[in-house]
N, C-alpha and C. Protein backbone atom coordinates (compact mmCIF):
# COMPACT_ATOMS: atom_id res chain seq x y z
N GLY A 1 391.32 119.33 86.32
CA GLY A 1 392.89 119.29 85.96
C GLY A 1 393.23 120.74 85.99
N THR A 2 392.10 121.44 85.77
CA THR A 2 392.43 122.99 85.75
C THR A 2 392.49 123.80 87.45
N ALA A 3 391.92 122.95 88.11
CA ALA A 3 391.83 123.20 89.81
C ALA A 3 393.01 122.71 90.24
N GLU A 4 393.28 121.43 89.98
CA GLU A 4 394.91 121.20 90.50
C GLU A 4 396.11 121.92 90.23
N CYS A 5 395.79 122.28 89.03
CA CYS A 5 397.14 123.32 88.53
C CYS A 5 396.86 124.67 89.15
N LEU A 6 396.13 125.38 89.18
CA LEU A 6 395.83 126.42 90.13
C LEU A 6 396.39 126.46 91.88
N ALA A 7 395.50 125.83 92.54
CA ALA A 7 396.04 124.88 93.73
C ALA A 7 397.19 124.86 93.91
N GLU A 8 398.57 125.13 93.01
CA GLU A 8 400.06 124.63 93.49
C GLU A 8 399.98 126.54 93.79
N TYR A 9 399.59 127.32 93.47
CA TYR A 9 399.93 129.03 93.53
C TYR A 9 398.75 129.12 94.71
N ALA A 10 398.70 128.48 95.54
CA ALA A 10 397.80 129.07 96.54
C ALA A 10 398.70 130.14 97.72
N THR A 11 399.80 128.90 98.06
CA THR A 11 401.07 129.73 98.53
C THR A 11 402.08 130.19 98.22
N LYS A 12 402.64 129.85 96.81
CA LYS A 12 403.43 129.83 95.89
C LYS A 12 403.83 131.43 95.66
N THR A 13 403.33 132.43 95.19
CA THR A 13 403.42 133.62 94.95
C THR A 13 403.54 134.67 95.75
N GLY A 14 402.93 134.20 97.07
CA GLY A 14 402.64 135.23 97.95
C GLY A 14 401.66 136.32 97.46
N LYS A 15 401.12 136.24 96.87
CA LYS A 15 400.21 136.80 96.41
C LYS A 15 398.69 136.32 96.84
N THR A 16 397.53 137.44 96.89
CA THR A 16 395.91 136.55 96.99
C THR A 16 395.53 136.04 95.72
N VAL A 17 394.85 134.87 95.77
CA VAL A 17 394.58 133.86 94.66
C VAL A 17 393.00 133.70 94.90
N LEU A 18 392.23 134.58 94.07
CA LEU A 18 390.77 134.07 94.27
C LEU A 18 390.24 133.46 93.15
N ALA A 19 389.40 132.67 93.03
CA ALA A 19 388.74 131.90 91.78
C ALA A 19 386.91 131.58 91.78
N SER A 20 386.86 131.75 90.49
CA SER A 20 385.49 131.74 90.03
C SER A 20 385.15 130.93 89.34
N TRP A 21 384.37 129.57 90.01
CA TRP A 21 384.46 128.41 89.33
C TRP A 21 382.83 128.03 89.09
N MET A 22 382.22 128.27 87.75
CA MET A 22 381.03 127.76 87.51
C MET A 22 380.96 127.06 86.75
N GLY A 23 379.45 126.53 87.40
CA GLY A 23 379.00 125.18 86.48
C GLY A 23 378.48 124.22 87.64
N GLY A 24 378.12 124.92 88.48
CA GLY A 24 377.39 124.01 89.77
C GLY A 24 378.13 122.52 90.20
N LYS A 25 377.25 121.45 90.01
CA LYS A 25 377.43 120.34 89.94
C LYS A 25 378.51 119.51 89.46
N GLU A 26 378.77 119.86 88.00
CA GLU A 26 379.79 119.72 87.50
C GLU A 26 381.02 120.27 87.99
N VAL A 27 381.27 121.07 88.17
CA VAL A 27 382.72 121.64 88.77
C VAL A 27 383.26 121.55 90.57
N ALA A 28 381.79 120.87 91.25
CA ALA A 28 381.89 120.54 92.60
C ALA A 28 382.89 120.30 93.18
N GLU A 29 383.68 119.45 92.06
CA GLU A 29 385.37 118.34 92.69
C GLU A 29 386.22 119.40 92.74
N GLY A 30 386.13 120.40 91.54
CA GLY A 30 387.06 121.15 91.87
C GLY A 30 387.63 121.98 92.27
N LYS A 31 386.10 122.69 92.92
CA LYS A 31 385.67 124.08 93.50
C LYS A 31 385.86 123.47 95.39
N SER A 32 386.10 122.12 95.04
CA SER A 32 386.00 121.55 96.84
C SER A 32 387.94 121.56 96.89
N LEU A 33 388.08 121.13 95.52
CA LEU A 33 389.76 121.13 95.56
C LEU A 33 390.51 122.37 95.95
N LEU A 34 390.11 123.16 95.03
CA LEU A 34 390.72 124.98 95.58
C LEU A 34 390.40 125.49 96.89
N GLU A 35 389.23 125.11 97.48
CA GLU A 35 389.03 125.43 98.85
C GLU A 35 389.91 124.82 99.88
N ARG A 36 390.22 123.72 99.47
CA ARG A 36 391.01 123.13 100.48
C ARG A 36 392.46 123.57 100.88
N ALA A 37 392.81 123.77 99.41
CA ALA A 37 394.07 124.58 99.25
C ALA A 37 394.48 125.92 99.30
N GLY A 38 392.87 126.46 100.08
CA GLY A 38 393.04 127.84 100.42
C GLY A 38 392.84 129.00 100.04
N ILE A 39 392.47 128.53 98.42
CA ILE A 39 391.31 129.49 97.64
C ILE A 39 390.66 129.57 97.50
N PRO A 40 390.13 130.64 97.93
CA PRO A 40 388.50 131.04 97.88
C PRO A 40 388.36 130.99 96.54
N CYS A 41 386.57 130.34 96.37
CA CYS A 41 386.10 129.96 95.09
C CYS A 41 384.59 131.01 95.26
N PHE A 42 384.64 131.47 94.42
CA PHE A 42 383.34 131.76 94.47
C PHE A 42 382.46 131.50 93.04
N SER A 43 380.99 131.18 93.08
CA SER A 43 380.19 130.49 92.23
C SER A 43 379.64 131.83 90.86
N TYR A 44 380.17 132.92 90.94
CA TYR A 44 380.14 133.93 89.83
C TYR A 44 381.16 134.81 89.82
N PRO A 45 381.91 135.33 89.07
CA PRO A 45 382.88 136.29 88.79
C PRO A 45 382.82 137.77 89.62
N ASP A 46 380.74 138.25 89.72
CA ASP A 46 381.03 139.21 89.98
C ASP A 46 381.57 139.50 91.33
N ALA A 47 381.00 138.38 92.21
CA ALA A 47 381.07 137.74 93.90
C ALA A 47 382.94 138.02 94.18
N ALA A 48 383.68 137.35 93.22
CA ALA A 48 384.88 137.52 93.44
C ALA A 48 385.33 139.18 93.52
N CYS A 49 385.35 139.37 92.64
CA CYS A 49 385.20 140.89 92.20
C CYS A 49 385.59 142.06 93.41
N ARG A 50 384.24 141.72 93.98
CA ARG A 50 383.19 142.54 94.73
C ARG A 50 384.04 142.25 96.26
N VAL A 51 385.05 141.00 96.81
CA VAL A 51 385.53 140.40 97.63
C VAL A 51 387.32 141.03 97.16
N PHE A 52 387.46 141.27 96.28
CA PHE A 52 388.65 141.44 95.74
C PHE A 52 388.62 142.79 96.20
N ASN A 53 387.87 143.95 95.72
CA ASN A 53 387.71 145.46 95.74
C ASN A 53 388.43 145.80 97.67
N HIS A 54 387.48 144.39 98.25
CA HIS A 54 387.13 144.69 100.18
C HIS A 54 388.84 144.43 100.16
N LEU A 55 389.21 143.50 99.62
CA LEU A 55 390.32 143.72 100.26
C LEU A 55 391.40 144.56 99.94
N ASN A 56 391.33 145.27 98.66
CA ASN A 56 392.04 145.96 98.21
C ASN A 56 391.80 147.38 99.53
N ARG A 57 390.88 148.02 99.54
CA ARG A 57 390.37 148.67 100.53
C ARG A 57 390.91 148.35 101.77
N TYR A 58 390.87 147.13 101.96
CA TYR A 58 391.42 146.76 103.71
C TYR A 58 393.25 147.41 103.49
N ARG A 59 393.77 146.84 102.65
CA ARG A 59 395.03 147.14 102.54
C ARG A 59 395.42 148.32 102.01
N ASP A 60 394.64 149.37 101.89
CA ASP A 60 394.66 151.08 102.15
C ASP A 60 394.30 151.25 103.44
N ILE A 61 393.41 150.93 104.21
CA ILE A 61 392.87 151.72 105.21
C ILE A 61 394.39 151.17 106.20
N MET A 62 394.52 149.67 105.73
CA MET A 62 395.97 149.63 106.66
C MET A 62 396.99 150.34 106.96
N ARG A 63 397.26 150.93 105.48
CA ARG A 63 398.25 151.61 105.06
C ARG A 63 398.52 152.97 105.94
N LYS A 64 397.03 153.49 106.04
CA LYS A 64 396.67 155.14 106.52
C LYS A 64 397.30 154.38 107.89
N LEU A 65 396.82 153.67 108.26
CA LEU A 65 396.56 153.54 109.77
C LEU A 65 398.14 153.03 110.08
N TYR A 66 399.11 152.45 110.00
CA TYR A 66 400.24 152.25 110.31
C TYR A 66 400.98 152.74 108.91
N ILE A 67 402.78 153.03 110.20
CA ILE A 67 403.76 153.59 109.12
C ILE A 67 403.88 151.96 108.74
N PHE A 68 404.29 152.20 107.28
CA PHE A 68 405.30 150.97 107.03
C PHE A 68 406.67 151.02 106.32
N GLU A 69 407.55 150.42 106.15
CA GLU A 69 408.70 149.95 105.77
C GLU A 69 408.77 148.80 105.03
N GLU A 70 409.54 149.00 103.58
CA GLU A 70 409.30 147.77 102.76
C GLU A 70 410.81 147.21 103.28
N LYS A 71 410.72 145.84 103.86
CA LYS A 71 411.67 145.13 104.30
C LYS A 71 411.86 143.72 103.60
N GLU A 72 412.89 143.39 102.81
CA GLU A 72 412.41 142.10 101.89
C GLU A 72 411.42 142.03 101.20
N GLY A 73 410.41 142.56 101.25
CA GLY A 73 409.80 142.91 99.76
C GLY A 73 408.26 142.94 100.61
N ARG A 74 408.21 142.64 102.18
CA ARG A 74 407.31 142.31 102.85
C ARG A 74 407.36 143.93 103.85
N PRO A 75 405.81 144.55 104.22
CA PRO A 75 405.80 145.33 105.06
C PRO A 75 405.42 145.55 106.26
N ASN A 76 406.49 146.15 107.22
CA ASN A 76 406.65 145.89 108.59
C ASN A 76 406.29 146.97 109.35
N VAL A 77 405.56 147.14 110.09
CA VAL A 77 405.41 147.88 111.07
C VAL A 77 406.51 148.66 111.95
N ILE A 78 407.04 149.93 111.44
CA ILE A 78 408.30 150.55 112.00
C ILE A 78 407.70 150.52 113.68
N PRO A 79 409.07 149.94 114.20
CA PRO A 79 409.15 150.09 116.20
C PRO A 79 409.18 151.65 116.11
N ALA A 80 408.10 152.05 117.35
CA ALA A 80 408.15 153.38 118.21
C ALA A 80 408.61 153.18 119.75
N ASP A 81 409.86 153.63 119.37
CA ASP A 81 410.37 154.07 120.37
C ASP A 81 410.81 152.71 121.33
N GLY A 82 411.09 151.85 120.51
CA GLY A 82 411.55 150.12 121.32
C GLY A 82 410.07 149.44 121.58
N LYS A 83 409.19 149.86 121.45
CA LYS A 83 408.08 149.09 121.86
C LYS A 83 407.81 147.64 121.20
N ARG A 84 408.11 147.65 120.28
CA ARG A 84 408.35 146.68 119.38
C ARG A 84 409.12 144.92 120.53
N GLU A 85 410.24 145.78 120.66
CA GLU A 85 411.09 144.84 121.44
C GLU A 85 410.29 144.91 122.54
N LYS A 86 409.60 145.73 123.07
CA LYS A 86 409.50 145.18 124.67
C LYS A 86 408.03 144.33 124.60
N ALA A 87 407.73 144.54 123.01
CA ALA A 87 405.91 143.59 123.57
C ALA A 87 406.72 142.32 122.85
N PHE A 88 407.77 142.15 122.27
CA PHE A 88 408.41 140.39 122.05
C PHE A 88 408.85 140.07 123.59
N GLU A 89 409.27 140.49 124.03
CA GLU A 89 409.85 139.85 125.34
C GLU A 89 408.55 139.51 126.09
N ILE A 90 407.49 140.44 126.14
CA ILE A 90 405.73 139.95 127.41
C ILE A 90 405.64 138.70 126.65
N ILE A 91 405.79 138.61 125.05
CA ILE A 91 405.15 137.38 124.64
C ILE A 91 406.04 136.21 124.58
N LYS A 92 407.09 136.74 124.50
CA LYS A 92 408.75 135.23 124.56
C LYS A 92 407.96 134.37 125.13
N PRO A 93 407.32 134.30 126.48
CA PRO A 93 407.38 132.88 127.41
C PRO A 93 406.38 131.97 126.66
N ALA A 94 405.17 133.07 126.03
CA ALA A 94 403.97 132.13 125.17
C ALA A 94 404.63 131.07 124.34
N LEU A 95 406.07 132.12 123.42
CA LEU A 95 405.92 131.17 122.15
C LEU A 95 407.04 130.56 122.69
N ASP A 96 408.12 130.58 123.58
CA ASP A 96 408.84 129.31 123.83
C ASP A 96 408.41 128.10 124.31
N SER A 97 407.09 128.45 125.09
CA SER A 97 406.59 127.23 125.56
C SER A 97 405.44 126.98 124.55
N GLU A 98 405.28 127.36 123.29
CA GLU A 98 404.49 126.90 122.46
C GLU A 98 403.07 127.62 122.81
N ARG A 99 402.66 127.63 123.64
CA ARG A 99 401.38 128.48 124.02
C ARG A 99 400.63 129.21 122.88
N PRO A 100 399.23 128.75 122.77
CA PRO A 100 398.72 129.42 121.70
C PRO A 100 397.98 130.76 122.16
N ILE A 101 398.05 131.17 123.36
CA ILE A 101 397.61 132.00 124.22
C ILE A 101 398.05 132.81 124.70
N LEU A 102 397.92 134.08 125.21
CA LEU A 102 398.50 134.88 126.53
C LEU A 102 397.80 134.63 127.86
N THR A 103 398.33 135.03 128.90
CA THR A 103 397.78 134.66 130.28
C THR A 103 397.22 136.56 130.28
N GLU A 104 396.02 136.38 131.16
CA GLU A 104 395.39 137.70 131.28
C GLU A 104 396.40 138.70 131.58
N ALA A 105 397.13 138.23 132.47
CA ALA A 105 398.31 139.55 133.10
C ALA A 105 399.13 139.97 132.09
N GLU A 106 399.70 138.97 131.16
CA GLU A 106 400.23 138.73 129.78
C GLU A 106 399.91 140.45 128.89
N SER A 107 398.65 139.70 128.72
CA SER A 107 398.17 140.39 127.64
C SER A 107 397.58 142.11 128.19
N LYS A 108 397.33 142.42 129.78
CA LYS A 108 397.40 143.47 129.97
C LYS A 108 398.69 144.33 129.85
N ASP A 109 399.43 143.30 130.08
CA ASP A 109 400.73 144.22 130.06
C ASP A 109 401.01 144.65 128.58
N LEU A 110 400.90 143.90 127.55
CA LEU A 110 401.04 144.08 126.24
C LEU A 110 400.22 145.55 125.95
N LEU A 111 399.06 145.70 126.51
CA LEU A 111 398.04 146.42 126.42
C LEU A 111 398.51 148.25 126.89
N SER A 112 399.08 147.88 128.01
CA SER A 112 399.71 149.02 128.52
C SER A 112 400.94 149.25 128.09
N LEU A 113 401.87 148.86 127.20
CA LEU A 113 402.79 148.86 127.02
C LEU A 113 402.12 149.85 125.41
N TYR A 114 401.14 149.84 124.79
CA TYR A 114 400.64 150.59 123.84
C TYR A 114 399.69 151.82 124.31
N ASP A 115 399.87 152.18 125.43
CA ASP A 115 398.82 153.08 125.97
C ASP A 115 397.32 152.83 126.23
N ILE A 116 397.07 151.65 126.10
CA ILE A 116 395.74 151.21 126.46
C ILE A 116 395.45 150.76 127.82
N PRO A 117 394.40 152.24 128.50
CA PRO A 117 394.47 152.06 129.98
C PRO A 117 394.02 150.31 130.28
N THR A 118 394.52 149.77 131.42
CA THR A 118 394.13 148.38 132.15
C THR A 118 393.85 148.46 133.41
N ASN A 119 392.96 148.30 134.13
CA ASN A 119 393.20 148.08 135.55
C ASN A 119 393.91 147.37 136.14
N ILE A 120 394.52 147.71 137.40
CA ILE A 120 395.84 147.16 138.04
C ILE A 120 395.92 145.55 138.36
N THR A 121 396.59 144.82 137.63
CA THR A 121 396.80 143.17 137.82
C THR A 121 398.05 142.84 138.29
N ARG A 122 398.39 142.38 139.01
CA ARG A 122 399.45 141.99 139.47
C ARG A 122 399.04 140.41 140.10
N VAL A 123 400.46 139.56 139.91
CA VAL A 123 400.33 137.72 139.99
C VAL A 123 401.33 137.96 141.07
N ALA A 124 400.40 136.78 141.78
CA ALA A 124 400.74 136.53 143.01
C ALA A 124 400.86 134.64 143.08
N PHE A 125 401.87 134.19 143.69
CA PHE A 125 401.90 132.63 143.65
C PHE A 125 401.73 131.93 145.05
N THR A 126 401.77 132.54 146.07
CA THR A 126 400.76 132.51 147.53
C THR A 126 400.33 132.86 147.59
N PRO A 127 399.09 132.56 148.99
CA PRO A 127 398.44 132.99 149.77
C PRO A 127 398.78 134.06 150.11
N GLU A 128 400.09 134.38 151.09
CA GLU A 128 400.21 135.71 151.66
C GLU A 128 400.83 136.46 150.30
N GLU A 129 401.25 136.13 149.85
CA GLU A 129 401.46 137.22 148.74
C GLU A 129 400.40 137.70 147.79
N ALA A 130 399.49 137.14 148.01
CA ALA A 130 398.03 137.76 147.00
C ALA A 130 397.60 138.57 148.24
N ALA A 131 397.42 138.37 149.34
CA ALA A 131 397.10 139.32 150.80
C ALA A 131 397.59 140.63 150.90
N LYS A 132 399.56 140.28 150.53
CA LYS A 132 400.27 141.62 150.66
C LYS A 132 400.16 142.56 149.17
N ILE A 133 399.19 141.58 147.98
CA ILE A 133 399.57 142.94 147.09
C ILE A 133 397.49 143.57 147.06
N ALA A 134 397.05 142.63 147.69
CA ALA A 134 395.88 143.22 148.15
C ALA A 134 395.61 144.66 148.94
N THR A 135 396.82 144.45 149.86
CA THR A 135 396.59 145.51 150.50
C THR A 135 396.89 146.48 149.65
N GLU A 136 398.24 146.57 149.11
CA GLU A 136 398.99 147.40 148.45
C GLU A 136 398.14 148.11 147.15
N VAL A 137 397.13 147.05 146.50
CA VAL A 137 396.21 147.54 145.77
C VAL A 137 394.96 148.66 146.28
N GLY A 138 394.62 148.23 147.37
CA GLY A 138 393.60 148.77 147.85
C GLY A 138 392.04 147.74 148.18
N PHE A 139 391.31 147.74 148.82
CA PHE A 139 390.25 147.20 148.98
C PHE A 139 389.36 147.60 148.50
N PRO A 140 388.03 146.99 147.93
CA PRO A 140 387.74 145.58 147.44
C PRO A 140 388.57 145.09 146.16
N VAL A 141 389.16 144.08 146.23
CA VAL A 141 389.54 143.72 145.40
C VAL A 141 389.01 142.46 144.77
N VAL A 142 389.43 141.96 143.35
CA VAL A 142 389.20 140.73 142.45
C VAL A 142 389.96 140.01 142.67
N VAL A 143 389.99 138.45 142.75
CA VAL A 143 391.42 137.79 143.23
C VAL A 143 390.45 136.59 141.61
N LYS A 144 391.62 136.34 140.32
CA LYS A 144 391.43 135.41 139.84
C LYS A 144 391.87 134.91 139.48
N ILE A 145 391.99 132.96 139.07
CA ILE A 145 392.95 132.39 138.91
C ILE A 145 393.98 133.38 137.69
N HIS A 146 395.26 132.19 137.67
CA HIS A 146 396.64 133.21 136.85
C HIS A 146 396.82 131.28 136.28
N SER A 147 396.45 131.45 135.10
CA SER A 147 396.40 130.12 134.26
C SER A 147 397.13 129.96 132.45
N GLU A 148 397.78 129.23 132.74
CA GLU A 148 398.19 129.78 131.02
C GLU A 148 397.55 128.69 130.21
N THR A 149 396.59 127.98 130.74
CA THR A 149 395.58 126.77 130.09
C THR A 149 393.73 127.20 129.97
N ILE A 150 393.82 127.94 131.20
CA ILE A 150 392.05 128.30 131.53
C ILE A 150 392.09 129.66 130.87
N THR A 151 390.81 129.62 130.12
CA THR A 151 390.67 131.27 129.48
C THR A 151 389.36 131.86 129.93
N HIS A 152 388.76 130.84 130.55
CA HIS A 152 387.44 131.03 130.99
C HIS A 152 387.11 130.77 131.79
N LYS A 153 387.40 132.05 133.34
CA LYS A 153 388.07 131.32 134.05
C LYS A 153 386.51 131.23 135.35
N SER A 154 385.27 132.18 135.01
CA SER A 154 384.28 131.99 135.67
C SER A 154 383.87 130.47 135.07
N ASP A 155 383.69 130.29 134.38
CA ASP A 155 383.61 128.40 134.36
C ASP A 155 384.32 127.74 134.84
N VAL A 156 385.11 127.86 135.52
CA VAL A 156 386.03 126.89 136.88
C VAL A 156 385.54 127.44 138.06
N GLY A 157 384.50 128.67 137.96
CA GLY A 157 384.85 129.35 139.64
C GLY A 157 386.05 130.16 139.92
N GLY A 158 386.67 130.81 138.65
CA GLY A 158 388.18 131.06 139.17
C GLY A 158 388.11 132.92 139.19
N VAL A 159 386.75 133.03 139.55
CA VAL A 159 386.62 134.49 139.92
C VAL A 159 385.92 135.10 141.24
N LYS A 160 386.84 135.67 142.18
CA LYS A 160 386.23 136.25 143.17
C LYS A 160 386.33 137.52 143.03
N ILE A 161 385.05 138.37 143.06
CA ILE A 161 385.20 139.67 143.43
C ILE A 161 384.58 140.05 144.91
N GLY A 162 385.07 141.37 145.08
CA GLY A 162 384.51 142.35 146.43
C GLY A 162 385.01 141.69 147.35
N LEU A 163 386.25 141.21 147.70
CA LEU A 163 387.35 140.75 148.70
C LEU A 163 387.50 141.94 149.54
N LYS A 164 386.86 142.13 150.77
CA LYS A 164 387.55 143.18 151.67
C LYS A 164 388.19 143.01 152.45
N ASP A 165 389.00 142.07 152.99
CA ASP A 165 389.98 141.87 153.36
C ASP A 165 391.46 140.87 152.98
N GLU A 166 392.35 140.72 153.70
CA GLU A 166 393.14 140.07 153.54
C GLU A 166 392.82 138.49 153.91
N ALA A 167 391.96 138.09 154.60
CA ALA A 167 391.80 137.25 154.87
C ALA A 167 390.56 136.49 153.64
N ALA A 168 389.97 137.32 152.90
CA ALA A 168 389.41 136.60 151.91
C ALA A 168 390.25 136.43 151.07
N VAL A 169 391.33 137.35 150.85
CA VAL A 169 391.74 137.18 149.60
C VAL A 169 392.64 135.73 149.70
N MET A 170 393.16 135.64 150.60
CA MET A 170 393.68 134.03 151.13
C MET A 170 392.80 132.83 150.83
N ALA A 171 392.04 132.76 151.29
CA ALA A 171 390.65 132.11 151.64
C ALA A 171 390.48 132.00 149.51
N ALA A 172 389.92 132.88 149.09
CA ALA A 172 390.19 132.85 148.14
C ALA A 172 391.23 132.07 146.85
N PHE A 173 392.40 132.42 147.25
CA PHE A 173 393.42 131.87 146.69
C PHE A 173 393.82 130.36 147.08
N LYS A 174 393.30 129.88 148.34
CA LYS A 174 393.31 128.56 148.54
C LYS A 174 392.25 127.72 148.23
N ASP A 175 390.98 128.01 147.94
CA ASP A 175 389.56 127.39 147.32
C ASP A 175 390.49 126.87 146.44
N MET A 176 390.73 128.36 145.17
CA MET A 176 390.78 127.75 143.81
C MET A 176 392.27 126.75 143.58
N GLU A 177 393.15 126.61 144.95
CA GLU A 177 394.37 125.55 144.38
C GLU A 177 393.28 124.70 145.20
N THR A 178 392.60 124.24 146.05
CA THR A 178 392.12 123.11 146.17
C THR A 178 391.21 122.41 144.77
N ARG A 179 390.25 123.42 144.84
CA ARG A 179 389.43 122.79 143.27
C ARG A 179 390.05 122.34 142.47
N ILE A 180 390.67 123.84 141.59
CA ILE A 180 391.18 123.42 140.76
C ILE A 180 392.31 122.76 140.15
N GLY A 181 393.25 123.14 141.05
CA GLY A 181 394.51 122.30 140.96
C GLY A 181 395.30 122.34 139.26
N ARG A 182 396.80 122.28 140.07
CA ARG A 182 397.66 121.98 138.96
C ARG A 182 396.96 121.35 137.56
N PRO A 183 397.72 121.04 136.41
CA PRO A 183 398.72 122.22 135.78
C PRO A 183 397.90 123.41 135.80
N GLY A 184 396.30 123.59 135.72
CA GLY A 184 395.23 124.70 135.40
C GLY A 184 396.02 125.98 136.12
N PHE A 185 396.01 125.69 137.49
CA PHE A 185 396.34 126.81 139.16
C PHE A 185 397.26 126.58 138.97
N LEU A 186 398.00 127.89 138.15
CA LEU A 186 399.74 128.59 138.65
C LEU A 186 399.78 129.52 139.90
N GLY A 187 398.09 130.39 140.15
CA GLY A 187 398.45 131.39 140.86
C GLY A 187 397.43 132.04 141.13
N VAL A 188 397.55 133.36 141.76
CA VAL A 188 396.28 133.79 141.33
C VAL A 188 396.82 135.49 140.87
N THR A 189 395.57 136.20 140.00
CA THR A 189 396.00 137.67 139.60
C THR A 189 394.98 138.59 140.84
N VAL A 190 395.58 139.51 141.35
CA VAL A 190 395.43 140.55 142.36
C VAL A 190 394.85 141.52 141.45
N GLN A 191 393.63 142.04 141.55
CA GLN A 191 393.16 143.27 140.97
C GLN A 191 392.36 144.56 141.36
N ASP A 192 392.51 145.71 140.93
CA ASP A 192 391.48 146.77 141.71
C ASP A 192 390.31 146.79 141.12
N GLN A 193 389.06 146.63 142.16
CA GLN A 193 387.56 146.30 141.53
C GLN A 193 387.59 147.61 141.19
N VAL A 194 386.94 147.41 139.78
CA VAL A 194 386.27 148.37 138.97
C VAL A 194 384.52 148.37 138.48
N SER A 195 384.22 149.80 138.97
CA SER A 195 382.94 149.80 138.78
C SER A 195 382.64 150.27 137.40
N PHE A 196 381.39 149.52 136.67
CA PHE A 196 380.81 149.37 135.75
C PHE A 196 380.05 150.26 135.45
N LYS A 197 379.31 151.03 136.46
CA LYS A 197 378.17 151.61 136.00
C LYS A 197 377.84 152.75 135.07
N ASP A 198 377.21 152.99 134.83
CA ASP A 198 376.91 153.81 133.49
C ASP A 198 378.04 153.63 132.09
N SER A 199 378.42 152.54 131.90
CA SER A 199 379.43 152.41 131.00
C SER A 199 379.26 151.04 130.13
N HIS A 200 380.11 150.91 128.88
CA HIS A 200 379.94 149.79 128.01
C HIS A 200 381.14 148.81 128.29
N GLU A 201 380.53 147.24 128.23
CA GLU A 201 381.59 146.57 128.20
C GLU A 201 381.60 145.86 127.37
N VAL A 202 383.28 145.85 126.17
CA VAL A 202 383.14 145.71 124.73
C VAL A 202 383.97 144.31 124.78
N MET A 203 383.45 143.27 124.31
CA MET A 203 384.87 141.80 123.86
C MET A 203 384.68 141.80 122.59
N LEU A 204 386.09 141.45 122.60
CA LEU A 204 386.45 141.64 121.20
C LEU A 204 387.01 140.30 120.75
N GLY A 205 387.37 139.39 119.96
CA GLY A 205 388.04 138.45 119.45
C GLY A 205 388.91 138.65 118.32
N MET A 206 390.07 138.06 118.27
CA MET A 206 391.22 138.78 117.06
C MET A 206 391.97 137.25 117.02
N VAL A 207 391.99 137.25 115.12
CA VAL A 207 392.50 135.98 114.58
C VAL A 207 393.49 136.65 113.42
N ARG A 208 394.67 135.82 113.29
CA ARG A 208 395.07 136.30 112.13
C ARG A 208 394.96 135.29 110.92
N ASP A 209 394.51 135.48 109.99
CA ASP A 209 393.97 134.85 108.87
C ASP A 209 395.03 134.37 107.97
N PRO A 210 395.37 133.60 107.10
CA PRO A 210 396.24 133.20 106.54
C PRO A 210 396.05 134.33 105.07
N GLN A 211 394.99 134.74 104.75
CA GLN A 211 394.35 135.43 103.47
C GLN A 211 394.38 136.81 103.50
N TYR A 212 393.56 137.11 104.65
CA TYR A 212 393.30 138.46 104.82
C TYR A 212 393.88 139.13 105.99
N GLY A 213 395.21 138.25 106.52
CA GLY A 213 395.44 139.34 107.99
C GLY A 213 394.85 139.08 109.25
N PRO A 214 394.91 140.17 109.99
CA PRO A 214 394.60 140.62 111.15
C PRO A 214 392.56 140.57 111.17
N VAL A 215 391.76 140.07 111.83
CA VAL A 215 390.72 139.95 111.51
C VAL A 215 389.97 140.20 113.20
N CYS A 216 389.03 141.08 113.17
CA CYS A 216 388.53 141.19 114.60
C CYS A 216 386.90 140.53 114.19
N PHE A 217 386.79 139.36 115.43
CA PHE A 217 385.23 138.57 115.39
C PHE A 217 384.85 138.68 116.68
N ASN A 218 383.14 138.53 116.45
CA ASN A 218 382.33 138.18 117.68
C ASN A 218 382.61 139.40 118.61
N PRO A 219 381.95 140.47 117.77
CA PRO A 219 382.17 141.40 119.12
C PRO A 219 380.54 141.36 120.09
N PHE A 220 380.78 141.69 121.26
CA PHE A 220 379.39 141.79 122.34
C PHE A 220 379.63 142.85 122.85
N VAL A 221 378.50 143.86 123.09
CA VAL A 221 378.23 144.85 123.77
C VAL A 221 377.45 145.02 124.88
N TYR A 222 377.99 145.02 126.33
CA TYR A 222 377.12 144.64 127.33
C TYR A 222 377.35 146.12 127.84
N TYR A 223 375.64 147.45 127.87
CA TYR A 223 375.32 147.89 129.02
C TYR A 223 375.31 147.79 130.63
N THR A 224 375.92 148.88 131.18
CA THR A 224 375.58 148.15 132.38
C THR A 224 375.43 149.24 132.86
N HIS A 225 374.04 149.44 134.03
CA HIS A 225 373.81 150.40 134.54
C HIS A 225 373.78 150.85 136.36
């Protein structure tokens, strides 16, 4: 009964709620109810206190990293040089079509907007356009599938590297279009081929957790020589 009453506050107050439900099997039903309501439940209060302290430290770190303004009682990052508006323009097509992910080209446009360097990535919708872009970028180039639904491009044979002339680029376009087809295949991106010699490749995943906010997970570091 107590858990049922507490569960109502999971989202009602706008504050983080942590619970310590001691009693083992005797309180398992209440603990399960709280967890389904989105309230983290701990077997001992000291564990809950440690997590609360971590949350507090996280908040302080985020305040130091960003400039915040108070608007309607919620912290908001102050836009710098109109970048927030430009960022919204980049992600608006995904929002309008209710896509949960950005395309590679959209992602790189967003990174470039915030001065994070990326390699040249241009979208082509025909074999001829891809060949023209490749010539402008300079050979060798990489051709990847341009898709709003396929994220793991290599798994579907959607990456061709080391293409040295227009004929190879056009052939790669036609091959992907034939094998993968629509709706997954929308075109290709043509990119300059970057050498990873003596460098590190880092893969990061991010998610916005309803309780913790932005969270980075699954970091992989590849060392190439």
